[in-house]
Amino acid sequence: MTRSIAQRPCVLAYYIRGQINLYFNRRIFNRTSKGVADLTQALAMAPADTQDVLLARIYTALGDGYYKLGEPAKAHDAWSAAPPGFRQPG
């Protein structure tokens, strides 16, 4: 994904790399902060016409990342920022 981002940065590429950093490398490499950075970049790059489903997935993963970093207030804010109809319960 890093090479793909270097060639053509896009929202989907940052989202996928953020997901990988959050969920697949957490025990050995603990790259949660890198995952949060990628997901934040994905949101910053998202054009106004980005599908709500993708935005919801980004916000959900970002909230999970903040929660794993021990920042529950930021996690709640990220989860709450998801488009209506896609928000996490609670």
N, C-alpha and C. Protein backbone atom coordinates (compact mmCIF):
# COMPACT_ATOMS: atom_id res chain seq x y z
N MET A 1 0.82 -1.19 0.00
CA MET A 1 0.00 0.00 0.00
C MET A 1 0.87 1.26 0.00
N THR A 2 2.01 1.19 0.63
CA THR A 2 2.86 2.36 0.68
C THR A 2 3.30 2.78 -0.72
N ARG A 3 3.64 1.82 -1.55
CA ARG A 3 4.02 2.14 -2.93
C ARG A 3 2.84 2.70 -3.71
N SER A 4 1.69 2.14 -3.49
CA SER A 4 0.49 2.63 -4.16
C SER A 4 0.21 4.07 -3.77
N ILE A 5 0.34 4.38 -2.50
CA ILE A 5 0.12 5.74 -2.01
C ILE A 5 1.15 6.69 -2.58
N ALA A 6 2.38 6.23 -2.71
CA ALA A 6 3.43 7.08 -3.28
C ALA A 6 3.14 7.41 -4.75
N GLN A 7 2.58 6.45 -5.47
CA GLN A 7 2.29 6.68 -6.89
C GLN A 7 1.00 7.49 -7.09
N ARG A 8 -0.02 7.15 -6.33
CA ARG A 8 -1.31 7.81 -6.51
C ARG A 8 -2.07 7.81 -5.19
N PRO A 9 -1.86 8.82 -4.36
CA PRO A 9 -2.54 8.86 -3.07
C PRO A 9 -4.05 9.05 -3.27
N CYS A 10 -4.81 8.24 -2.53
CA CYS A 10 -6.27 8.37 -2.59
C CYS A 10 -6.86 7.94 -1.25
N VAL A 11 -8.11 8.26 -1.06
CA VAL A 11 -8.81 7.96 0.20
C VAL A 11 -8.81 6.46 0.48
N LEU A 12 -9.14 5.68 -0.53
CA LEU A 12 -9.24 4.23 -0.34
C LEU A 12 -7.89 3.62 0.05
N ALA A 13 -6.81 4.06 -0.55
CA ALA A 13 -5.49 3.53 -0.22
C ALA A 13 -5.11 3.83 1.23
N TYR A 14 -5.35 5.06 1.66
CA TYR A 14 -5.05 5.40 3.06
C TYR A 14 -5.95 4.62 4.02
N TYR A 15 -7.21 4.42 3.64
CA TYR A 15 -8.12 3.65 4.48
C TYR A 15 -7.63 2.21 4.64
N ILE A 16 -7.27 1.59 3.54
CA ILE A 16 -6.82 0.20 3.60
C ILE A 16 -5.54 0.06 4.41
N ARG A 17 -4.57 0.96 4.18
CA ARG A 17 -3.33 0.88 4.96
C ARG A 17 -3.60 1.16 6.44
N GLY A 18 -4.52 2.08 6.73
CA GLY A 18 -4.90 2.33 8.12
C GLY A 18 -5.51 1.12 8.77
N GLN A 19 -6.37 0.41 8.03
CA GLN A 19 -6.97 -0.83 8.53
C GLN A 19 -5.89 -1.87 8.84
N ILE A 20 -4.96 -2.02 7.94
CA ILE A 20 -3.88 -2.99 8.14
C ILE A 20 -3.08 -2.64 9.40
N ASN A 21 -2.74 -1.38 9.55
CA ASN A 21 -1.96 -0.96 10.72
C ASN A 21 -2.74 -1.13 12.01
N LEU A 22 -4.04 -0.91 11.97
CA LEU A 22 -4.85 -1.03 13.20
C LEU A 22 -5.09 -2.47 13.62
N TYR A 23 -5.47 -3.31 12.67
CA TYR A 23 -6.01 -4.61 13.03
C TYR A 23 -5.08 -5.80 12.80
N PHE A 24 -4.15 -5.70 11.87
CA PHE A 24 -3.37 -6.89 11.53
C PHE A 24 -1.96 -6.90 12.10
N ASN A 25 -1.45 -5.79 12.54
CA ASN A 25 -0.08 -5.74 13.06
C ASN A 25 -0.03 -5.25 14.50
N ARG A 26 -1.10 -5.43 15.22
CA ARG A 26 -1.16 -4.82 16.55
C ARG A 26 -0.33 -5.53 17.61
N ARG A 27 -0.18 -6.82 17.54
CA ARG A 27 0.52 -7.53 18.61
C ARG A 27 2.04 -7.39 18.50
N ILE A 28 2.56 -7.58 17.33
CA ILE A 28 4.01 -7.57 17.16
C ILE A 28 4.56 -6.16 16.99
N PHE A 29 3.96 -5.42 16.07
CA PHE A 29 4.53 -4.12 15.71
C PHE A 29 3.86 -2.94 16.37
N ASN A 30 2.62 -3.12 16.87
CA ASN A 30 1.87 -2.07 17.54
C ASN A 30 1.89 -0.76 16.74
N ARG A 31 1.30 -0.81 15.54
CA ARG A 31 1.30 0.36 14.66
C ARG A 31 -0.03 1.10 14.69
N THR A 32 -0.67 1.10 15.84
CA THR A 32 -1.96 1.76 15.96
C THR A 32 -1.88 3.24 15.64
N SER A 33 -0.85 3.91 16.12
CA SER A 33 -0.73 5.35 15.86
C SER A 33 -0.55 5.63 14.37
N LYS A 34 0.15 4.76 13.66
CA LYS A 34 0.30 4.92 12.21
C LYS A 34 -1.04 4.70 11.51
N GLY A 35 -1.82 3.77 12.01
CA GLY A 35 -3.15 3.54 11.46
C GLY A 35 -4.06 4.74 11.64
N VAL A 36 -4.01 5.34 12.82
CA VAL A 36 -4.81 6.55 13.09
C VAL A 36 -4.37 7.68 12.16
N ALA A 37 -3.08 7.81 11.95
CA ALA A 37 -2.56 8.85 11.05
C ALA A 37 -3.06 8.63 9.62
N ASP A 38 -3.04 7.40 9.16
CA ASP A 38 -3.52 7.10 7.81
C ASP A 38 -5.02 7.38 7.69
N LEU A 39 -5.79 6.99 8.68
CA LEU A 39 -7.23 7.22 8.63
C LEU A 39 -7.56 8.71 8.70
N THR A 40 -6.80 9.46 9.47
CA THR A 40 -6.98 10.91 9.53
C THR A 40 -6.67 11.53 8.17
N GLN A 41 -5.61 11.05 7.51
CA GLN A 41 -5.27 11.53 6.18
C GLN A 41 -6.37 11.18 5.18
N ALA A 42 -6.95 10.00 5.29
CA ALA A 42 -8.04 9.60 4.40
C ALA A 42 -9.22 10.55 4.53
N LEU A 43 -9.55 10.92 5.76
CA LEU A 43 -10.65 11.86 5.96
C LEU A 43 -10.32 13.24 5.40
N ALA A 44 -9.08 13.66 5.57
CA ALA A 44 -8.67 14.97 5.06
C ALA A 44 -8.74 15.03 3.53
N MET A 45 -8.48 13.90 2.89
CA MET A 45 -8.48 13.85 1.43
C MET A 45 -9.85 13.58 0.83
N ALA A 46 -10.80 13.17 1.63
CA ALA A 46 -12.11 12.74 1.12
C ALA A 46 -12.85 13.92 0.47
N PRO A 47 -13.20 13.77 -0.81
CA PRO A 47 -13.99 14.82 -1.46
C PRO A 47 -15.41 14.82 -0.94
N ALA A 48 -16.15 15.85 -1.24
CA ALA A 48 -17.51 16.00 -0.74
C ALA A 48 -18.44 14.89 -1.24
N ASP A 49 -18.12 14.28 -2.37
CA ASP A 49 -19.00 13.25 -2.92
C ASP A 49 -18.60 11.83 -2.52
N THR A 50 -17.78 11.69 -1.49
CA THR A 50 -17.38 10.37 -1.01
C THR A 50 -18.61 9.64 -0.47
N GLN A 51 -18.72 8.37 -0.81
CA GLN A 51 -19.88 7.59 -0.37
C GLN A 51 -19.93 7.49 1.15
N ASP A 52 -21.15 7.57 1.68
CA ASP A 52 -21.35 7.50 3.12
C ASP A 52 -20.84 6.20 3.72
N VAL A 53 -20.91 5.11 2.98
CA VAL A 53 -20.45 3.82 3.48
C VAL A 53 -18.95 3.87 3.76
N LEU A 54 -18.18 4.44 2.85
CA LEU A 54 -16.74 4.54 3.05
C LEU A 54 -16.43 5.48 4.21
N LEU A 55 -17.11 6.61 4.27
CA LEU A 55 -16.89 7.54 5.38
C LEU A 55 -17.21 6.87 6.72
N ALA A 56 -18.29 6.12 6.77
CA ALA A 56 -18.66 5.43 8.01
C ALA A 56 -17.58 4.44 8.43
N ARG A 57 -17.04 3.72 7.46
CA ARG A 57 -15.98 2.75 7.78
C ARG A 57 -14.72 3.46 8.28
N ILE A 58 -14.40 4.59 7.68
CA ILE A 58 -13.22 5.34 8.11
C ILE A 58 -13.42 5.86 9.53
N TYR A 59 -14.57 6.47 9.79
CA TYR A 59 -14.84 6.99 11.14
C TYR A 59 -14.87 5.88 12.18
N THR A 60 -15.45 4.74 11.84
CA THR A 60 -15.49 3.62 12.77
C THR A 60 -14.09 3.12 13.10
N ALA A 61 -13.27 2.94 12.07
CA ALA A 61 -11.90 2.48 12.30
C ALA A 61 -11.10 3.52 13.07
N LEU A 62 -11.32 4.80 12.77
CA LEU A 62 -10.61 5.86 13.49
C LEU A 62 -10.99 5.85 14.96
N GLY A 63 -12.27 5.67 15.24
CA GLY A 63 -12.71 5.57 16.64
C GLY A 63 -12.09 4.37 17.34
N ASP A 64 -12.02 3.24 16.64
CA ASP A 64 -11.37 2.06 17.21
C ASP A 64 -9.90 2.35 17.51
N GLY A 65 -9.24 3.05 16.61
CA GLY A 65 -7.83 3.38 16.80
C GLY A 65 -7.61 4.27 18.01
N TYR A 66 -8.44 5.30 18.13
CA TYR A 66 -8.33 6.18 19.29
C TYR A 66 -8.60 5.41 20.58
N TYR A 67 -9.57 4.51 20.54
CA TYR A 67 -9.88 3.71 21.73
C TYR A 67 -8.68 2.85 22.13
N LYS A 68 -8.04 2.24 21.14
CA LYS A 68 -6.87 1.41 21.42
C LYS A 68 -5.70 2.23 21.94
N LEU A 69 -5.65 3.51 21.57
CA LEU A 69 -4.59 4.39 22.07
C LEU A 69 -4.91 4.95 23.46
N GLY A 70 -6.07 4.59 23.99
CA GLY A 70 -6.44 5.05 25.34
C GLY A 70 -7.03 6.45 25.34
N GLU A 71 -7.69 6.85 24.24
CA GLU A 71 -8.31 8.16 24.14
C GLU A 71 -9.81 7.99 23.86
N PRO A 72 -10.57 7.61 24.90
CA PRO A 72 -12.00 7.31 24.68
C PRO A 72 -12.82 8.52 24.23
N ALA A 73 -12.47 9.73 24.63
CA ALA A 73 -13.23 10.90 24.20
C ALA A 73 -13.09 11.12 22.70
N LYS A 74 -11.88 10.99 22.18
CA LYS A 74 -11.66 11.13 20.74
C LYS A 74 -12.33 9.99 19.99
N ALA A 75 -12.32 8.80 20.59
CA ALA A 75 -12.98 7.66 19.96
C ALA A 75 -14.48 7.92 19.83
N HIS A 76 -15.08 8.41 20.89
CA HIS A 76 -16.51 8.71 20.86
C HIS A 76 -16.82 9.78 19.80
N ASP A 77 -15.98 10.80 19.73
CA ASP A 77 -16.18 11.86 18.73
C ASP A 77 -16.10 11.30 17.31
N ALA A 78 -15.15 10.42 17.06
CA ALA A 78 -15.01 9.83 15.73
C ALA A 78 -16.21 8.96 15.40
N TRP A 79 -16.62 8.13 16.34
CA TRP A 79 -17.77 7.26 16.10
C TRP A 79 -19.03 8.11 15.86
N SER A 80 -19.17 9.20 16.60
CA SER A 80 -20.35 10.06 16.47
C SER A 80 -20.35 10.85 15.16
N ALA A 81 -19.20 11.05 14.56
CA ALA A 81 -19.09 11.84 13.34
C ALA A 81 -19.48 11.05 12.09
N ALA A 82 -19.71 9.77 12.22
CA ALA A 82 -20.11 8.95 11.07
C ALA A 82 -21.42 9.49 10.50
N PRO A 83 -21.62 9.31 9.20
CA PRO A 83 -22.86 9.79 8.58
C PRO A 83 -24.10 9.19 9.26
N PRO A 84 -25.19 9.92 9.30
CA PRO A 84 -26.43 9.40 9.91
C PRO A 84 -26.83 8.07 9.25
N GLY A 85 -27.29 7.16 10.07
CA GLY A 85 -27.68 5.85 9.58
C GLY A 85 -26.55 4.84 9.66
N PHE A 86 -25.32 5.30 9.90
CA PHE A 86 -24.17 4.42 9.98
C PHE A 86 -23.49 4.53 11.33
N ARG A 87 -24.04 5.26 12.25
CA ARG A 87 -23.39 5.49 13.55
C ARG A 87 -23.40 4.24 14.39
N GLN A 88 -22.36 4.12 15.22
CA GLN A 88 -22.25 2.99 16.14
C GLN A 88 -23.27 3.18 17.26
N PRO A 89 -23.85 2.09 17.75
CA PRO A 89 -24.80 2.23 18.87
C PRO A 89 -24.09 2.68 20.13
N GLY A 90 -24.77 3.40 20.96
CA GLY A 90 -24.23 3.78 22.24
C GLY A 90 -23.88 5.15 22.32
